[in-house]
Amino acid sequence: MDLVNFLSSVNKLSILAFLVTLGILFYEIQLLKKEKRLSSKPRIPKFEESINPQISQAATLITEKKEVVTKPNNFIIIFLIILLIIFGLATFFGFYKFNQKQNTLSETNVTPIVNLVSSKGIRLFNEQFNLLNDTQLKAIKPGDKLIIGLETINDADIDQARIRVNSNAWQLSDFTKKFSSKYQVYYINYSVASGESKLKIEAQLHSVGDGWLGD
């Protein structure tokens, strides 16, 4: 059983215990109120005169039947209130932890996985044009703005590059002549979309004499 299912089960048990304790506490409080009403009501014996004129001077005493009431235990009520608070807090923190775990799993599921397909010369940078290391590559998430570069080849007549992300066909926007002399890469700017769960990057250099390398 994974952590999410375990937390979900704990939450269900906490809710059930909370509701059961609340029901018992409500019953005990009702008993307490009933006892107070009976103890505060004066019990007056009832006399009924007979309609027979011969015994009109006599009176019949009607005894009142005692109602049996289960007396609540104050200690039990206090104990139930403490249990109610405990189970209530357990339920609250259980849902809080569960939501935190769900949010963490959601963030993990949408973190893009960088997959460099066509060329080993692909390099990823942040907005400040700082090269991303392996740890930073794994932390890429939707909304991040990247610079994707492709290293050029020395002593070759390279004049441009094309770089595509999560696409199987080249688009006009994939072609670039933007060049960084510091890193010796042709590059494009790219924003990671919210629905992207991976980054599949393909890139090619263009030679004036030989055309697109790798074709």
N, C-alpha and C. Protein backbone atom coordinates (compact mmCIF):
# COMPACT_ATOMS: atom_id res chain seq x y z
N MET A 1 0.84 -1.20 0.00
CA MET A 1 0.00 0.00 0.00
C MET A 1 0.88 1.25 0.00
N ASP A 2 0.64 2.19 -0.93
CA ASP A 2 1.46 3.39 -0.97
C ASP A 2 0.98 4.40 0.06
N LEU A 3 1.74 5.50 0.17
CA LEU A 3 1.46 6.49 1.21
C LEU A 3 0.11 7.15 1.01
N VAL A 4 -0.26 7.43 -0.24
CA VAL A 4 -1.53 8.11 -0.50
C VAL A 4 -2.70 7.27 -0.04
N ASN A 5 -2.68 5.95 -0.37
CA ASN A 5 -3.76 5.07 0.04
C ASN A 5 -3.80 4.92 1.56
N PHE A 6 -2.62 4.88 2.19
CA PHE A 6 -2.56 4.77 3.65
C PHE A 6 -3.18 5.99 4.32
N LEU A 7 -2.80 7.19 3.84
CA LEU A 7 -3.35 8.42 4.42
C LEU A 7 -4.85 8.49 4.20
N SER A 8 -5.30 8.03 3.03
CA SER A 8 -6.73 8.02 2.75
C SER A 8 -7.47 7.11 3.72
N SER A 9 -6.90 5.93 4.01
CA SER A 9 -7.53 5.00 4.95
C SER A 9 -7.57 5.58 6.35
N VAL A 10 -6.47 6.21 6.77
CA VAL A 10 -6.42 6.84 8.10
C VAL A 10 -7.47 7.93 8.22
N ASN A 11 -7.64 8.71 7.17
CA ASN A 11 -8.65 9.78 7.19
C ASN A 11 -10.05 9.21 7.35
N LYS A 12 -10.34 8.10 6.65
CA LYS A 12 -11.66 7.49 6.75
C LYS A 12 -11.92 6.97 8.16
N LEU A 13 -10.90 6.34 8.78
CA LEU A 13 -11.05 5.84 10.14
C LEU A 13 -11.24 6.99 11.13
N SER A 14 -10.50 8.06 10.91
CA SER A 14 -10.62 9.23 11.81
C SER A 14 -12.01 9.84 11.71
N ILE A 15 -12.55 9.94 10.51
CA ILE A 15 -13.89 10.50 10.33
C ILE A 15 -14.93 9.61 10.99
N LEU A 16 -14.78 8.28 10.79
CA LEU A 16 -15.73 7.35 11.40
C LEU A 16 -15.70 7.44 12.93
N ALA A 17 -14.48 7.46 13.48
CA ALA A 17 -14.36 7.57 14.94
C ALA A 17 -14.92 8.89 15.44
N PHE A 18 -14.70 9.96 14.68
CA PHE A 18 -15.21 11.28 15.05
C PHE A 18 -16.74 11.28 15.10
N LEU A 19 -17.37 10.68 14.08
CA LEU A 19 -18.83 10.66 14.01
C LEU A 19 -19.43 9.79 15.12
N VAL A 20 -18.80 8.63 15.37
CA VAL A 20 -19.29 7.74 16.43
C VAL A 20 -19.19 8.43 17.79
N THR A 21 -18.05 9.05 18.05
CA THR A 21 -17.86 9.77 19.32
C THR A 21 -18.85 10.92 19.45
N LEU A 22 -19.10 11.63 18.36
CA LEU A 22 -20.06 12.73 18.38
C LEU A 22 -21.46 12.23 18.70
N GLY A 23 -21.83 11.08 18.13
CA GLY A 23 -23.15 10.51 18.41
C GLY A 23 -23.32 10.11 19.86
N ILE A 24 -22.29 9.45 20.42
CA ILE A 24 -22.36 9.04 21.83
C ILE A 24 -22.41 10.25 22.75
N LEU A 25 -21.61 11.27 22.42
CA LEU A 25 -21.61 12.49 23.23
C LEU A 25 -22.97 13.18 23.19
N PHE A 26 -23.59 13.21 22.03
CA PHE A 26 -24.91 13.81 21.90
C PHE A 26 -25.93 13.05 22.75
N TYR A 27 -25.84 11.72 22.75
CA TYR A 27 -26.76 10.89 23.55
C TYR A 27 -26.58 11.17 25.04
N GLU A 28 -25.33 11.26 25.49
CA GLU A 28 -25.05 11.53 26.90
C GLU A 28 -25.57 12.90 27.32
N ILE A 29 -25.42 13.89 26.44
CA ILE A 29 -25.89 15.24 26.75
C ILE A 29 -27.42 15.27 26.84
N GLN A 30 -28.09 14.50 25.96
CA GLN A 30 -29.55 14.42 26.02
C GLN A 30 -30.01 13.79 27.34
N LEU A 31 -29.29 12.76 27.78
CA LEU A 31 -29.62 12.15 29.07
C LEU A 31 -29.45 13.15 30.22
N LEU A 32 -28.40 13.95 30.14
CA LEU A 32 -28.14 14.95 31.19
C LEU A 32 -29.26 15.99 31.24
N LYS A 33 -29.70 16.43 30.06
CA LYS A 33 -30.79 17.42 30.01
C LYS A 33 -32.09 16.82 30.56
N LYS A 34 -32.34 15.56 30.21
CA LYS A 34 -33.57 14.91 30.68
C LYS A 34 -33.57 14.76 32.19
N GLU A 35 -32.42 14.41 32.74
CA GLU A 35 -32.31 14.26 34.19
C GLU A 35 -32.54 15.60 34.90
N LYS A 36 -32.01 16.66 34.33
CA LYS A 36 -32.19 17.97 34.95
C LYS A 36 -33.65 18.40 34.91
N ARG A 37 -34.34 18.09 33.81
CA ARG A 37 -35.76 18.46 33.73
C ARG A 37 -36.58 17.71 34.78
N LEU A 38 -36.28 16.41 34.94
CA LEU A 38 -37.04 15.62 35.90
C LEU A 38 -36.74 16.02 37.34
N SER A 39 -35.49 16.36 37.61
CA SER A 39 -35.12 16.73 38.98
C SER A 39 -35.66 18.10 39.37
N SER A 40 -35.87 18.97 38.41
CA SER A 40 -36.37 20.31 38.71
C SER A 40 -37.89 20.37 38.76
N LYS A 41 -38.58 19.34 38.25
CA LYS A 41 -40.05 19.34 38.23
C LYS A 41 -40.58 18.76 39.54
N PRO A 42 -41.39 19.51 40.32
CA PRO A 42 -41.93 19.00 41.59
C PRO A 42 -42.94 17.88 41.35
N ARG A 43 -42.86 16.86 42.16
CA ARG A 43 -43.78 15.73 42.04
C ARG A 43 -44.90 15.88 43.07
N ILE A 44 -46.09 16.15 42.61
CA ILE A 44 -47.25 16.38 43.48
C ILE A 44 -48.17 15.17 43.36
N PRO A 45 -48.50 14.51 44.46
CA PRO A 45 -49.42 13.36 44.39
C PRO A 45 -50.79 13.78 43.92
N LYS A 46 -51.42 12.98 43.11
CA LYS A 46 -52.73 13.29 42.54
C LYS A 46 -53.83 12.56 43.32
N PHE A 47 -54.88 13.28 43.68
CA PHE A 47 -56.03 12.71 44.39
C PHE A 47 -57.22 12.74 43.46
N GLU A 48 -57.99 11.66 43.47
CA GLU A 48 -59.17 11.58 42.61
C GLU A 48 -60.39 11.24 43.47
N GLU A 49 -61.36 12.13 43.49
CA GLU A 49 -62.57 11.89 44.27
C GLU A 49 -63.48 10.92 43.54
N SER A 50 -64.07 10.01 44.29
CA SER A 50 -64.97 9.02 43.71
C SER A 50 -66.32 9.65 43.41
N ILE A 51 -66.95 9.21 42.37
CA ILE A 51 -68.27 9.75 42.00
C ILE A 51 -69.40 9.09 42.78
N ASN A 52 -69.07 8.06 43.58
CA ASN A 52 -70.08 7.38 44.40
C ASN A 52 -70.39 8.26 45.62
N PRO A 53 -71.65 8.73 45.79
CA PRO A 53 -71.98 9.63 46.91
C PRO A 53 -71.82 8.98 48.26
N GLN A 54 -71.90 7.62 48.32
CA GLN A 54 -71.79 6.97 49.60
C GLN A 54 -70.37 7.06 50.17
N ILE A 55 -69.42 7.18 49.28
CA ILE A 55 -68.04 7.25 49.78
C ILE A 55 -67.39 8.55 49.28
N SER A 56 -68.25 9.59 49.27
CA SER A 56 -67.78 10.87 48.75
C SER A 56 -66.72 11.49 49.62
N GLN A 57 -66.64 11.08 50.90
CA GLN A 57 -65.66 11.65 51.79
C GLN A 57 -64.30 11.00 51.63
N ALA A 58 -64.32 9.88 50.91
CA ALA A 58 -63.04 9.18 50.74
C ALA A 58 -62.31 9.67 49.51
N ALA A 59 -61.07 9.54 49.53
CA ALA A 59 -60.24 9.97 48.39
C ALA A 59 -59.25 8.86 48.07
N THR A 60 -59.07 8.68 46.81
CA THR A 60 -58.15 7.64 46.36
C THR A 60 -56.80 8.25 46.01
N LEU A 61 -55.75 7.76 46.56
CA LEU A 61 -54.40 8.26 46.30
C LEU A 61 -53.82 7.50 45.10
N ILE A 62 -53.54 8.23 44.08
CA ILE A 62 -52.96 7.62 42.88
C ILE A 62 -51.45 7.82 42.93
N THR A 63 -50.75 6.76 43.01
CA THR A 63 -49.29 6.85 43.07
C THR A 63 -48.73 7.04 41.67
N GLU A 64 -47.80 7.91 41.55
CA GLU A 64 -47.19 8.21 40.25
C GLU A 64 -46.09 7.20 39.96
N LYS A 65 -46.15 6.65 38.79
CA LYS A 65 -45.15 5.67 38.38
C LYS A 65 -43.82 6.38 38.11
N LYS A 66 -42.81 5.87 38.74
CA LYS A 66 -41.49 6.48 38.56
C LYS A 66 -40.92 6.11 37.21
N GLU A 67 -40.44 7.11 36.51
CA GLU A 67 -39.82 6.88 35.20
C GLU A 67 -38.33 6.60 35.39
N VAL A 68 -37.93 5.49 34.88
CA VAL A 68 -36.53 5.11 35.03
C VAL A 68 -35.69 5.87 34.00
N VAL A 69 -34.73 6.62 34.46
CA VAL A 69 -33.86 7.41 33.58
C VAL A 69 -32.42 7.02 33.84
N THR A 70 -31.74 6.68 32.77
CA THR A 70 -30.33 6.34 32.90
C THR A 70 -29.52 7.61 33.12
N LYS A 71 -28.87 7.70 34.24
CA LYS A 71 -28.13 8.91 34.56
C LYS A 71 -26.82 8.95 33.78
N PRO A 72 -26.55 10.09 33.18
CA PRO A 72 -25.28 10.20 32.45
C PRO A 72 -24.11 10.30 33.41
N ASN A 73 -22.99 9.87 32.95
CA ASN A 73 -21.76 9.93 33.73
C ASN A 73 -20.94 11.13 33.27
N ASN A 74 -20.69 12.08 34.18
CA ASN A 74 -19.96 13.28 33.81
C ASN A 74 -18.55 12.97 33.32
N PHE A 75 -17.95 11.95 33.94
CA PHE A 75 -16.60 11.56 33.51
C PHE A 75 -16.61 11.08 32.06
N ILE A 76 -17.65 10.31 31.70
CA ILE A 76 -17.76 9.82 30.31
C ILE A 76 -17.92 10.98 29.34
N ILE A 77 -18.71 11.96 29.73
CA ILE A 77 -18.92 13.13 28.85
C ILE A 77 -17.61 13.87 28.61
N ILE A 78 -16.86 14.08 29.68
CA ILE A 78 -15.57 14.77 29.54
C ILE A 78 -14.62 13.95 28.67
N PHE A 79 -14.62 12.64 28.92
CA PHE A 79 -13.76 11.75 28.13
C PHE A 79 -14.15 11.77 26.66
N LEU A 80 -15.44 11.79 26.37
CA LEU A 80 -15.92 11.83 24.98
C LEU A 80 -15.54 13.15 24.30
N ILE A 81 -15.62 14.23 25.06
CA ILE A 81 -15.23 15.54 24.49
C ILE A 81 -13.76 15.53 24.12
N ILE A 82 -12.92 14.95 24.99
CA ILE A 82 -11.49 14.86 24.68
C ILE A 82 -11.26 14.01 23.44
N LEU A 83 -11.95 12.86 23.36
CA LEU A 83 -11.83 12.01 22.17
C LEU A 83 -12.28 12.73 20.91
N LEU A 84 -13.35 13.51 21.04
CA LEU A 84 -13.88 14.25 19.90
C LEU A 84 -12.84 15.24 19.38
N ILE A 85 -12.18 15.92 20.30
CA ILE A 85 -11.14 16.88 19.91
C ILE A 85 -9.97 16.16 19.23
N ILE A 86 -9.57 15.01 19.82
CA ILE A 86 -8.45 14.25 19.26
C ILE A 86 -8.76 13.76 17.86
N PHE A 87 -9.93 13.14 17.67
CA PHE A 87 -10.30 12.63 16.36
C PHE A 87 -10.52 13.76 15.35
N GLY A 88 -11.03 14.89 15.85
CA GLY A 88 -11.20 16.04 14.96
C GLY A 88 -9.88 16.56 14.44
N LEU A 89 -8.89 16.68 15.36
CA LEU A 89 -7.56 17.13 14.95
C LEU A 89 -6.89 16.12 14.03
N ALA A 90 -7.07 14.82 14.33
CA ALA A 90 -6.49 13.78 13.49
C ALA A 90 -7.06 13.85 12.07
N THR A 91 -8.36 14.09 11.98
CA THR A 91 -8.99 14.20 10.66
C THR A 91 -8.47 15.41 9.90
N PHE A 92 -8.35 16.55 10.62
CA PHE A 92 -7.89 17.78 9.98
C PHE A 92 -6.47 17.63 9.46
N PHE A 93 -5.56 17.16 10.32
CA PHE A 93 -4.16 17.02 9.91
C PHE A 93 -4.00 15.91 8.87
N GLY A 94 -4.86 14.88 8.95
CA GLY A 94 -4.82 13.82 7.95
C GLY A 94 -5.14 14.36 6.56
N PHE A 95 -6.20 15.17 6.46
CA PHE A 95 -6.54 15.77 5.18
C PHE A 95 -5.47 16.75 4.73
N TYR A 96 -4.88 17.48 5.68
CA TYR A 96 -3.82 18.45 5.33
C TYR A 96 -2.62 17.72 4.73
N LYS A 97 -2.18 16.64 5.39
CA LYS A 97 -1.05 15.87 4.88
C LYS A 97 -1.39 15.21 3.55
N PHE A 98 -2.63 14.73 3.44
CA PHE A 98 -3.06 14.07 2.20
C PHE A 98 -3.03 15.05 1.04
N ASN A 99 -3.53 16.27 1.27
CA ASN A 99 -3.52 17.28 0.21
C ASN A 99 -2.10 17.68 -0.17
N GLN A 100 -1.21 17.77 0.86
CA GLN A 100 0.18 18.09 0.56
C GLN A 100 0.82 17.01 -0.29
N LYS A 101 0.53 15.75 0.03
CA LYS A 101 1.08 14.63 -0.73
C LYS A 101 0.54 14.63 -2.15
N GLN A 102 -0.75 14.93 -2.30
CA GLN A 102 -1.36 14.98 -3.63
C GLN A 102 -0.74 16.08 -4.46
N ASN A 103 -0.50 17.25 -3.84
CA ASN A 103 0.11 18.36 -4.57
C ASN A 103 1.53 18.01 -4.99
N THR A 104 2.27 17.33 -4.09
CA THR A 104 3.63 16.92 -4.42
C THR A 104 3.65 15.95 -5.58
N LEU A 105 2.71 14.98 -5.55
CA LEU A 105 2.63 14.01 -6.64
C LEU A 105 2.25 14.69 -7.95
N SER A 106 1.35 15.69 -7.87
CA SER A 106 0.94 16.40 -9.08
C SER A 106 2.11 17.15 -9.69
N GLU A 107 2.89 17.81 -8.81
CA GLU A 107 4.05 18.55 -9.32
C GLU A 107 5.07 17.59 -9.93
N THR A 108 5.23 16.42 -9.29
CA THR A 108 6.18 15.44 -9.82
C THR A 108 5.74 14.90 -11.16
N ASN A 109 4.44 14.69 -11.31
CA ASN A 109 3.93 14.12 -12.56
C ASN A 109 4.04 15.07 -13.74
N VAL A 110 4.01 16.39 -13.48
CA VAL A 110 4.06 17.34 -14.58
C VAL A 110 5.47 17.86 -14.83
N THR A 111 6.45 17.41 -14.06
CA THR A 111 7.82 17.85 -14.30
C THR A 111 8.32 17.25 -15.62
N PRO A 112 8.69 18.09 -16.58
CA PRO A 112 9.11 17.57 -17.88
C PRO A 112 10.39 16.75 -17.78
N ILE A 113 10.46 15.71 -18.60
CA ILE A 113 11.66 14.89 -18.71
C ILE A 113 12.35 15.26 -20.01
N VAL A 114 13.56 15.76 -19.90
CA VAL A 114 14.28 16.21 -21.07
C VAL A 114 14.82 15.01 -21.84
N ASN A 115 14.50 14.94 -23.10
CA ASN A 115 14.93 13.84 -23.96
C ASN A 115 15.61 14.40 -25.19
N LEU A 116 16.93 14.37 -25.20
CA LEU A 116 17.69 14.90 -26.30
C LEU A 116 17.86 13.80 -27.35
N VAL A 117 17.22 13.97 -28.51
CA VAL A 117 17.13 12.87 -29.46
C VAL A 117 18.17 12.94 -30.56
N SER A 118 18.15 14.02 -31.29
CA SER A 118 18.86 14.03 -32.56
C SER A 118 20.33 14.36 -32.45
N SER A 119 20.71 15.13 -31.45
CA SER A 119 22.09 15.59 -31.40
C SER A 119 22.59 15.64 -29.97
N LYS A 120 23.83 15.22 -29.78
CA LYS A 120 24.46 15.28 -28.47
C LYS A 120 24.96 16.69 -28.17
N GLY A 121 24.87 17.56 -29.15
CA GLY A 121 25.36 18.92 -28.94
C GLY A 121 24.33 19.88 -28.40
N ILE A 122 23.17 19.37 -28.01
CA ILE A 122 22.12 20.23 -27.48
C ILE A 122 22.47 20.68 -26.06
N ARG A 123 22.29 21.95 -25.79
CA ARG A 123 22.56 22.50 -24.47
C ARG A 123 21.36 23.33 -24.01
N LEU A 124 21.03 23.24 -22.73
CA LEU A 124 19.91 24.01 -22.18
C LEU A 124 20.43 25.05 -21.20
N PHE A 125 19.85 26.26 -21.31
CA PHE A 125 20.25 27.39 -20.47
C PHE A 125 19.00 27.99 -19.83
N ASN A 126 19.21 28.74 -18.75
CA ASN A 126 18.11 29.51 -18.18
C ASN A 126 18.01 30.86 -18.90
N GLU A 127 17.12 31.73 -18.42
CA GLU A 127 16.89 33.03 -19.08
C GLU A 127 18.14 33.90 -19.07
N GLN A 128 18.99 33.71 -18.06
CA GLN A 128 20.21 34.52 -17.95
C GLN A 128 21.37 33.92 -18.77
N PHE A 129 21.06 32.91 -19.56
CA PHE A 129 22.04 32.23 -20.40
C PHE A 129 23.11 31.54 -19.57
N ASN A 130 22.69 30.96 -18.46
CA ASN A 130 23.58 30.13 -17.65
C ASN A 130 23.27 28.67 -17.95
N LEU A 131 24.29 27.89 -18.20
CA LEU A 131 24.12 26.49 -18.56
C LEU A 131 23.52 25.71 -17.39
N LEU A 132 22.48 24.90 -17.66
CA LEU A 132 21.83 24.11 -16.63
C LEU A 132 22.58 22.80 -16.41
N ASN A 133 22.80 22.45 -15.14
CA ASN A 133 23.43 21.17 -14.84
C ASN A 133 22.38 20.06 -14.76
N ASP A 134 22.80 18.84 -14.46
CA ASP A 134 21.88 17.70 -14.44
C ASP A 134 20.78 17.87 -13.40
N THR A 135 21.12 18.40 -12.24
CA THR A 135 20.12 18.60 -11.19
C THR A 135 19.08 19.62 -11.62
N GLN A 136 19.54 20.69 -12.24
CA GLN A 136 18.62 21.73 -12.70
C GLN A 136 17.76 21.25 -13.86
N LEU A 137 18.32 20.39 -14.70
CA LEU A 137 17.53 19.83 -15.81
C LEU A 137 16.36 19.00 -15.28
N LYS A 138 16.60 18.25 -14.21
CA LYS A 138 15.55 17.41 -13.63
C LYS A 138 14.48 18.25 -12.95
N ALA A 139 14.81 19.49 -12.60
CA ALA A 139 13.87 20.35 -11.88
C ALA A 139 13.06 21.24 -12.80
N ILE A 140 13.22 21.08 -14.11
CA ILE A 140 12.46 21.89 -15.06
C ILE A 140 10.98 21.62 -14.87
N LYS A 141 10.18 22.69 -14.84
CA LYS A 141 8.74 22.54 -14.62
C LYS A 141 7.97 23.48 -15.55
N PRO A 142 6.66 23.23 -15.71
CA PRO A 142 5.85 24.11 -16.56
C PRO A 142 5.94 25.56 -16.13
N GLY A 143 6.05 26.44 -17.12
CA GLY A 143 6.17 27.87 -16.85
C GLY A 143 7.60 28.38 -16.93
N ASP A 144 8.58 27.47 -16.87
CA ASP A 144 9.99 27.89 -16.97
C ASP A 144 10.31 28.37 -18.38
N LYS A 145 11.15 29.37 -18.43
CA LYS A 145 11.61 29.88 -19.73
C LYS A 145 13.06 29.44 -19.94
N LEU A 146 13.28 28.81 -21.08
CA LEU A 146 14.59 28.23 -21.36
C LEU A 146 15.19 28.81 -22.63
N ILE A 147 16.49 28.61 -22.75
CA ILE A 147 17.20 28.86 -24.01
C ILE A 147 17.78 27.52 -24.43
N ILE A 148 17.37 27.05 -25.60
CA ILE A 148 17.83 25.76 -26.11
C ILE A 148 18.85 26.02 -27.22
N GLY A 149 20.05 25.51 -27.02
CA GLY A 149 21.11 25.76 -27.98
C GLY A 149 21.66 24.48 -28.60
N LEU A 150 22.28 24.61 -29.77
CA LEU A 150 22.92 23.49 -30.45
C LEU A 150 24.34 23.91 -30.83
N GLU A 151 25.31 23.15 -30.32
CA GLU A 151 26.71 23.49 -30.57
C GLU A 151 27.05 23.38 -32.06
N THR A 152 27.82 24.33 -32.50
CA THR A 152 28.25 24.31 -33.89
C THR A 152 29.50 23.44 -34.06
N ILE A 153 29.90 23.24 -35.28
CA ILE A 153 31.07 22.42 -35.60
C ILE A 153 32.19 23.34 -36.07
N ASN A 154 33.36 23.18 -35.48
CA ASN A 154 34.49 24.00 -35.89
C ASN A 154 34.95 23.63 -37.30
N ASP A 155 35.50 24.61 -37.97
CA ASP A 155 36.04 24.41 -39.33
C ASP A 155 34.99 23.87 -40.29
N ALA A 156 33.75 24.32 -40.16
CA ALA A 156 32.68 23.93 -41.09
C ALA A 156 31.89 25.17 -41.47
N ASP A 157 31.26 25.11 -42.64
CA ASP A 157 30.53 26.28 -43.13
C ASP A 157 29.08 26.26 -42.62
N ILE A 158 28.93 26.28 -41.30
CA ILE A 158 27.59 26.26 -40.69
C ILE A 158 27.05 27.68 -40.66
N ASP A 159 25.81 27.83 -41.13
CA ASP A 159 25.23 29.17 -41.16
C ASP A 159 23.95 29.30 -40.34
N GLN A 160 23.35 28.18 -39.92
CA GLN A 160 22.12 28.25 -39.13
C GLN A 160 21.84 26.88 -38.50
N ALA A 161 20.74 26.81 -37.73
CA ALA A 161 20.32 25.55 -37.10
C ALA A 161 18.80 25.52 -37.05
N ARG A 162 18.29 24.34 -36.80
CA ARG A 162 16.85 24.23 -36.55
C ARG A 162 16.66 23.33 -35.32
N ILE A 163 15.77 23.78 -34.45
CA ILE A 163 15.54 23.10 -33.16
C ILE A 163 14.04 23.00 -32.94
N ARG A 164 13.57 21.78 -32.73
CA ARG A 164 12.13 21.60 -32.48
C ARG A 164 11.93 20.85 -31.15
N VAL A 165 10.79 21.17 -30.49
CA VAL A 165 10.47 20.59 -29.18
C VAL A 165 9.08 19.96 -29.25
N ASN A 166 9.01 18.69 -28.89
CA ASN A 166 7.73 17.96 -28.87
C ASN A 166 6.98 18.06 -30.19
N SER A 167 7.69 17.91 -31.25
CA SER A 167 7.07 18.00 -32.57
C SER A 167 7.74 16.99 -33.50
N ASN A 168 6.95 16.46 -34.44
CA ASN A 168 7.48 15.50 -35.41
C ASN A 168 7.68 16.12 -36.79
N ALA A 169 7.39 17.39 -36.91
CA ALA A 169 7.55 18.09 -38.19
C ALA A 169 8.22 19.44 -37.96
N TRP A 170 9.07 19.82 -38.88
CA TRP A 170 9.76 21.09 -38.75
C TRP A 170 8.82 22.24 -39.10
N GLN A 171 8.86 23.28 -38.27
CA GLN A 171 8.07 24.48 -38.48
C GLN A 171 9.01 25.66 -38.77
N LEU A 172 8.46 26.71 -39.36
CA LEU A 172 9.27 27.88 -39.68
C LEU A 172 9.91 28.48 -38.44
N SER A 173 9.19 28.40 -37.30
CA SER A 173 9.71 28.97 -36.05
C SER A 173 10.87 28.16 -35.47
N ASP A 174 11.11 26.95 -36.01
CA ASP A 174 12.21 26.12 -35.50
C ASP A 174 13.57 26.56 -36.05
N PHE A 175 13.57 27.31 -37.13
CA PHE A 175 14.82 27.72 -37.77
C PHE A 175 15.38 28.96 -37.07
N THR A 176 16.67 28.97 -36.85
CA THR A 176 17.28 30.09 -36.15
C THR A 176 18.70 30.36 -36.64
N LYS A 177 19.03 31.65 -36.64
CA LYS A 177 20.40 32.06 -36.91
C LYS A 177 21.00 32.79 -35.71
N LYS A 178 20.26 32.79 -34.61
CA LYS A 178 20.76 33.42 -33.38
C LYS A 178 21.93 32.59 -32.86
N PHE A 179 23.01 33.28 -32.56
CA PHE A 179 24.24 32.57 -32.24
C PHE A 179 24.92 33.19 -31.01
N SER A 180 25.40 32.33 -30.10
CA SER A 180 26.15 32.78 -28.93
C SER A 180 27.62 32.43 -29.14
N SER A 181 28.45 33.46 -29.26
CA SER A 181 29.88 33.22 -29.45
C SER A 181 30.53 32.68 -28.18
N LYS A 182 29.93 32.99 -27.01
CA LYS A 182 30.49 32.51 -25.75
C LYS A 182 30.40 30.99 -25.65
N TYR A 183 29.24 30.46 -25.98
CA TYR A 183 29.02 29.00 -25.87
C TYR A 183 29.11 28.30 -27.22
N GLN A 184 29.26 29.06 -28.29
CA GLN A 184 29.35 28.49 -29.63
C GLN A 184 28.12 27.64 -29.96
N VAL A 185 26.96 28.23 -29.73
CA VAL A 185 25.71 27.51 -30.01
C VAL A 185 24.76 28.41 -30.78
N TYR A 186 24.00 27.78 -31.69
CA TYR A 186 22.81 28.41 -32.25
C TYR A 186 21.67 28.10 -31.28
N TYR A 187 20.75 29.05 -31.08
CA TYR A 187 19.77 28.84 -30.01
C TYR A 187 18.40 29.42 -30.35
N ILE A 188 17.41 28.93 -29.60
CA ILE A 188 16.05 29.49 -29.64
C ILE A 188 15.59 29.70 -28.19
N ASN A 189 14.61 30.59 -28.03
CA ASN A 189 13.98 30.78 -26.71
C ASN A 189 12.72 29.91 -26.63
N TYR A 190 12.52 29.30 -25.48
CA TYR A 190 11.39 28.38 -25.35
C TYR A 190 10.78 28.48 -23.95
N SER A 191 9.42 28.50 -23.91
CA SER A 191 8.69 28.50 -22.63
C SER A 191 7.99 27.15 -22.47
N VAL A 192 8.20 26.51 -21.34
CA VAL A 192 7.59 25.20 -21.09
C VAL A 192 6.11 25.40 -20.81
N ALA A 193 5.26 24.76 -21.61
CA ALA A 193 3.82 24.90 -21.45
C ALA A 193 3.32 24.11 -20.25
N SER A 194 2.14 24.50 -19.74
CA SER A 194 1.60 23.86 -18.53
C SER A 194 1.21 22.41 -18.76
N GLY A 195 0.87 22.05 -19.98
CA GLY A 195 0.43 20.68 -20.24
C GLY A 195 1.53 19.73 -20.67
N GLU A 196 2.77 20.19 -20.70
CA GLU A 196 3.87 19.36 -21.17
C GLU A 196 4.44 18.52 -20.03
N SER A 197 4.46 17.21 -20.24
CA SER A 197 5.01 16.31 -19.24
C SER A 197 6.42 15.85 -19.62
N LYS A 198 6.88 16.22 -20.80
CA LYS A 198 8.23 15.87 -21.22
C LYS A 198 8.69 16.87 -22.28
N LEU A 199 9.98 16.93 -22.49
CA LEU A 199 10.56 17.77 -23.54
C LEU A 199 11.38 16.88 -24.47
N LYS A 200 10.86 16.65 -25.63
CA LYS A 200 11.56 15.89 -26.66
C LYS A 200 12.19 16.89 -27.63
N ILE A 201 13.51 17.00 -27.57
CA ILE A 201 14.22 18.03 -28.33
C ILE A 201 15.03 17.40 -29.45
N GLU A 202 14.84 17.92 -30.65
CA GLU A 202 15.61 17.48 -31.82
C GLU A 202 16.22 18.72 -32.47
N ALA A 203 17.44 18.58 -32.95
CA ALA A 203 18.12 19.73 -33.55
C ALA A 203 19.09 19.30 -34.64
N GLN A 204 19.30 20.18 -35.63
CA GLN A 204 20.24 19.93 -36.73
C GLN A 204 20.96 21.22 -37.10
N LEU A 205 22.20 21.04 -37.53
CA LEU A 205 22.97 22.16 -38.07
C LEU A 205 22.86 22.16 -39.59
N HIS A 206 22.99 23.36 -40.15
CA HIS A 206 22.91 23.49 -41.61
C HIS A 206 24.27 23.92 -42.16
N SER A 207 24.73 23.17 -43.14
CA SER A 207 25.99 23.50 -43.83
C SER A 207 25.67 24.13 -45.18
N VAL A 208 26.41 25.17 -45.49
CA VAL A 208 26.18 25.85 -46.77
C VAL A 208 26.43 24.89 -47.94
N GLY A 209 27.44 24.05 -47.78
CA GLY A 209 27.78 23.14 -48.87
C GLY A 209 27.02 21.82 -48.84
N ASP A 210 26.73 21.32 -47.64
CA ASP A 210 26.15 19.96 -47.53
C ASP A 210 24.69 19.94 -47.13
N GLY A 211 24.11 21.08 -46.82
CA GLY A 211 22.70 21.11 -46.40
C GLY A 211 22.56 20.73 -44.95
N TRP A 212 21.40 20.16 -44.60
CA TRP A 212 21.13 19.81 -43.21
C TRP A 212 21.89 18.55 -42.85
N LEU A 213 22.74 18.66 -41.86
CA LEU A 213 23.57 17.53 -41.45
C LEU A 213 22.74 16.49 -40.72
N GLY A 214 22.92 15.25 -41.12
CA GLY A 214 22.16 14.17 -40.50
C GLY A 214 21.04 13.67 -41.35
N ASP A 215 20.64 14.41 -42.39
CA ASP A 215 19.58 13.96 -43.28
C ASP A 215 20.09 12.84 -44.20
